[in-house]
Amino acid sequence: MLVLARKRDQSIMIGDDVEIVIVDIYGDQVKLGVNAPRHIAVHRREVYEEVQKENIRAAEAKTKEIGKLDLLLKKKLNKKK
């Protein structure tokens, strides 16, 4: 992990496109501004983790639904024979 010291209104760059700006400092809280292209998602970590969990649940649900659909199609095909 890279650790940097910055003061208010100073920034760091991540690659050529992402800038993190120290907007303000209140005691033990730091406000950050993030300038990034629209195609780069920026989330607080707890939100990011929830999105990942939901994506996993959605993928699992789709797999279960595909299995049910497969059974229905097989039953329908067997009835036609």
C-alpha atoms as a PDB file:
ATOM      1  CA  MET A   1       0.000   0.000   0.000  1.00  0.00           C
ATOM      2  CA  LEU A   2       1.270   3.414  -0.945  1.00  0.00           C
ATOM      3  CA  VAL A   3       0.750   5.986   1.843  1.00  0.00           C
ATOM      4  CA  LEU A   4       0.859   9.677   0.908  1.00  0.00           C
ATOM      5  CA  ALA A   5       0.579  12.825   3.024  1.00  0.00           C
ATOM      6  CA  ARG A   6      -1.497  15.587   1.423  1.00  0.00           C
ATOM      7  CA  LYS A   7      -2.921  18.908   2.600  1.00  0.00           C
ATOM      8  CA  ARG A   8      -6.261  20.516   1.757  1.00  0.00           C
ATOM      9  CA  ASP A   9      -6.593  21.319  -1.976  1.00  0.00           C
ATOM     10  CA  GLN A  10      -3.705  19.002  -2.867  1.00  0.00           C
ATOM     11  CA  SER A  11      -4.319  15.929  -4.992  1.00  0.00           C
ATOM     12  CA  ILE A  12      -2.918  12.658  -6.238  1.00  0.00           C
ATOM     13  CA  MET A  13      -3.233  11.122  -9.686  1.00  0.00           C
ATOM     14  CA  ILE A  14      -4.069   7.504 -10.440  1.00  0.00           C
ATOM     15  CA  GLY A  15      -2.952   6.822 -13.969  1.00  0.00           C
ATOM     16  CA  ASP A  16      -3.668   9.629 -16.425  1.00  0.00           C
ATOM     17  CA  ASP A  17      -7.421   9.866 -15.821  1.00  0.00           C
ATOM     18  CA  VAL A  18      -8.239   9.714 -12.102  1.00  0.00           C
ATOM     19  CA  GLU A  19      -7.535  12.576  -9.709  1.00  0.00           C
ATOM     20  CA  ILE A  20      -8.192  12.379  -5.951  1.00  0.00           C
ATOM     21  CA  VAL A  21      -8.434  15.829  -4.320  1.00  0.00           C
ATOM     22  CA  ILE A  22      -8.361  16.577  -0.589  1.00  0.00           C
ATOM     23  CA  VAL A  23     -11.417  18.838  -0.334  1.00  0.00           C
ATOM     24  CA  ASP A  24     -11.520  19.393   3.417  1.00  0.00           C
ATOM     25  CA  ILE A  25     -10.321  18.030   6.744  1.00  0.00           C
ATOM     26  CA  TYR A  26     -12.458  17.968   9.929  1.00  0.00           C
ATOM     27  CA  GLY A  27     -10.650  16.415  12.891  1.00  0.00           C
ATOM     28  CA  ASP A  28     -10.334  12.725  12.008  1.00  0.00           C
ATOM     29  CA  GLN A  29     -12.495  12.982   8.864  1.00  0.00           C
ATOM     30  CA  VAL A  30     -11.185  13.790   5.389  1.00  0.00           C
ATOM     31  CA  LYS A  31     -13.424  14.800   2.476  1.00  0.00           C
ATOM     32  CA  LEU A  32     -12.160  13.570  -0.871  1.00  0.00           C
ATOM     33  CA  GLY A  33     -13.162  14.628  -4.349  1.00  0.00           C
ATOM     34  CA  VAL A  34     -12.774  12.140  -7.190  1.00  0.00           C
ATOM     35  CA  ASN A  35     -12.421  13.277 -10.790  1.00  0.00           C
ATOM     36  CA  ALA A  36     -12.691  10.249 -13.058  1.00  0.00           C
ATOM     37  CA  PRO A  37     -14.082   9.447 -16.503  1.00  0.00           C
ATOM     38  CA  ARG A  38     -17.727   8.286 -16.573  1.00  0.00           C
ATOM     39  CA  HIS A  39     -16.749   4.726 -17.536  1.00  0.00           C
ATOM     40  CA  ILE A  40     -14.859   4.272 -14.253  1.00  0.00           C
ATOM     41  CA  ALA A  41     -17.183   3.369 -11.378  1.00  0.00           C
ATOM     42  CA  VAL A  42     -16.370   5.101  -8.090  1.00  0.00           C
ATOM     43  CA  HIS A  43     -18.055   3.786  -4.912  1.00  0.00           C
ATOM     44  CA  ARG A  44     -17.483   3.784  -1.189  1.00  0.00           C
ATOM     45  CA  ARG A  45     -16.106   0.355  -0.251  1.00  0.00           C
ATOM     46  CA  GLU A  46     -19.261  -0.748   1.601  1.00  0.00           C
ATOM     47  CA  VAL A  47     -21.399   0.119  -1.443  1.00  0.00           C
ATOM     48  CA  TYR A  48     -18.971  -1.686  -3.746  1.00  0.00           C
ATOM     49  CA  GLU A  49     -19.148  -4.829  -1.594  1.00  0.00           C
ATOM     50  CA  GLU A  50     -22.974  -4.771  -1.637  1.00  0.00           C
ATOM     51  CA  VAL A  51     -22.985  -4.397  -5.435  1.00  0.00           C
ATOM     52  CA  GLN A  52     -20.653  -7.387  -5.729  1.00  0.00           C
ATOM     53  CA  LYS A  53     -22.862  -9.508  -3.444  1.00  0.00           C
ATOM     54  CA  GLU A  54     -25.962  -8.576  -5.418  1.00  0.00           C
ATOM     55  CA  ASN A  55     -24.240  -9.435  -8.703  1.00  0.00           C
ATOM     56  CA  ILE A  56     -23.365 -12.883  -7.322  1.00  0.00           C
ATOM     57  CA  ARG A  57     -26.960 -13.433  -6.141  1.00  0.00           C
ATOM     58  CA  ALA A  58     -28.306 -12.367  -9.531  1.00  0.00           C
ATOM     59  CA  ALA A  59     -25.937 -14.724 -11.365  1.00  0.00           C
ATOM     60  CA  GLU A  60     -26.956 -17.630  -9.126  1.00  0.00           C
ATOM     61  CA  ALA A  61     -30.641 -16.881  -9.640  1.00  0.00           C
ATOM     62  CA  LYS A  62     -30.183 -16.834 -13.424  1.00  0.00           C
ATOM     63  CA  THR A  63     -28.456 -20.224 -13.286  1.00  0.00           C
ATOM     64  CA  LYS A  64     -31.360 -21.696 -11.300  1.00  0.00           C
ATOM     65  CA  GLU A  65     -33.911 -20.188 -13.680  1.00  0.00           C
ATOM     66  CA  ILE A  66     -32.072 -21.568 -16.713  1.00  0.00           C
ATOM     67  CA  GLY A  67     -32.182 -25.021 -15.129  1.00  0.00           C
ATOM     68  CA  LYS A  68     -35.950 -24.713 -14.607  1.00  0.00           C
ATOM     69  CA  LEU A  69     -36.422 -23.519 -18.180  1.00  0.00           C
ATOM     70  CA  ASP A  70     -34.375 -26.454 -19.468  1.00  0.00           C
ATOM     71  CA  LEU A  71     -36.644 -28.907 -17.594  1.00  0.00           C
ATOM     72  CA  LEU A  72     -39.781 -27.263 -18.986  1.00  0.00           C
ATOM     73  CA  LEU A  73     -38.459 -27.422 -22.546  1.00  0.00           C
ATOM     74  CA  LYS A  74     -37.518 -31.077 -22.170  1.00  0.00           C
ATOM     75  CA  LYS A  75     -41.001 -31.906 -20.843  1.00  0.00           C
ATOM     76  CA  LYS A  76     -42.610 -30.042 -23.727  1.00  0.00           C
ATOM     77  CA  LEU A  77     -40.415 -31.820 -26.289  1.00  0.00           C
ATOM     78  CA  ASN A  78     -41.199 -35.224 -24.718  1.00  0.00           C
ATOM     79  CA  LYS A  79     -44.964 -34.543 -24.976  1.00  0.00           C
ATOM     80  CA  LYS A  80     -44.639 -33.845 -28.727  1.00  0.00           C
ATOM     81  CA  LYS A  81     -43.046 -37.267 -29.353  1.00  0.00           C
END
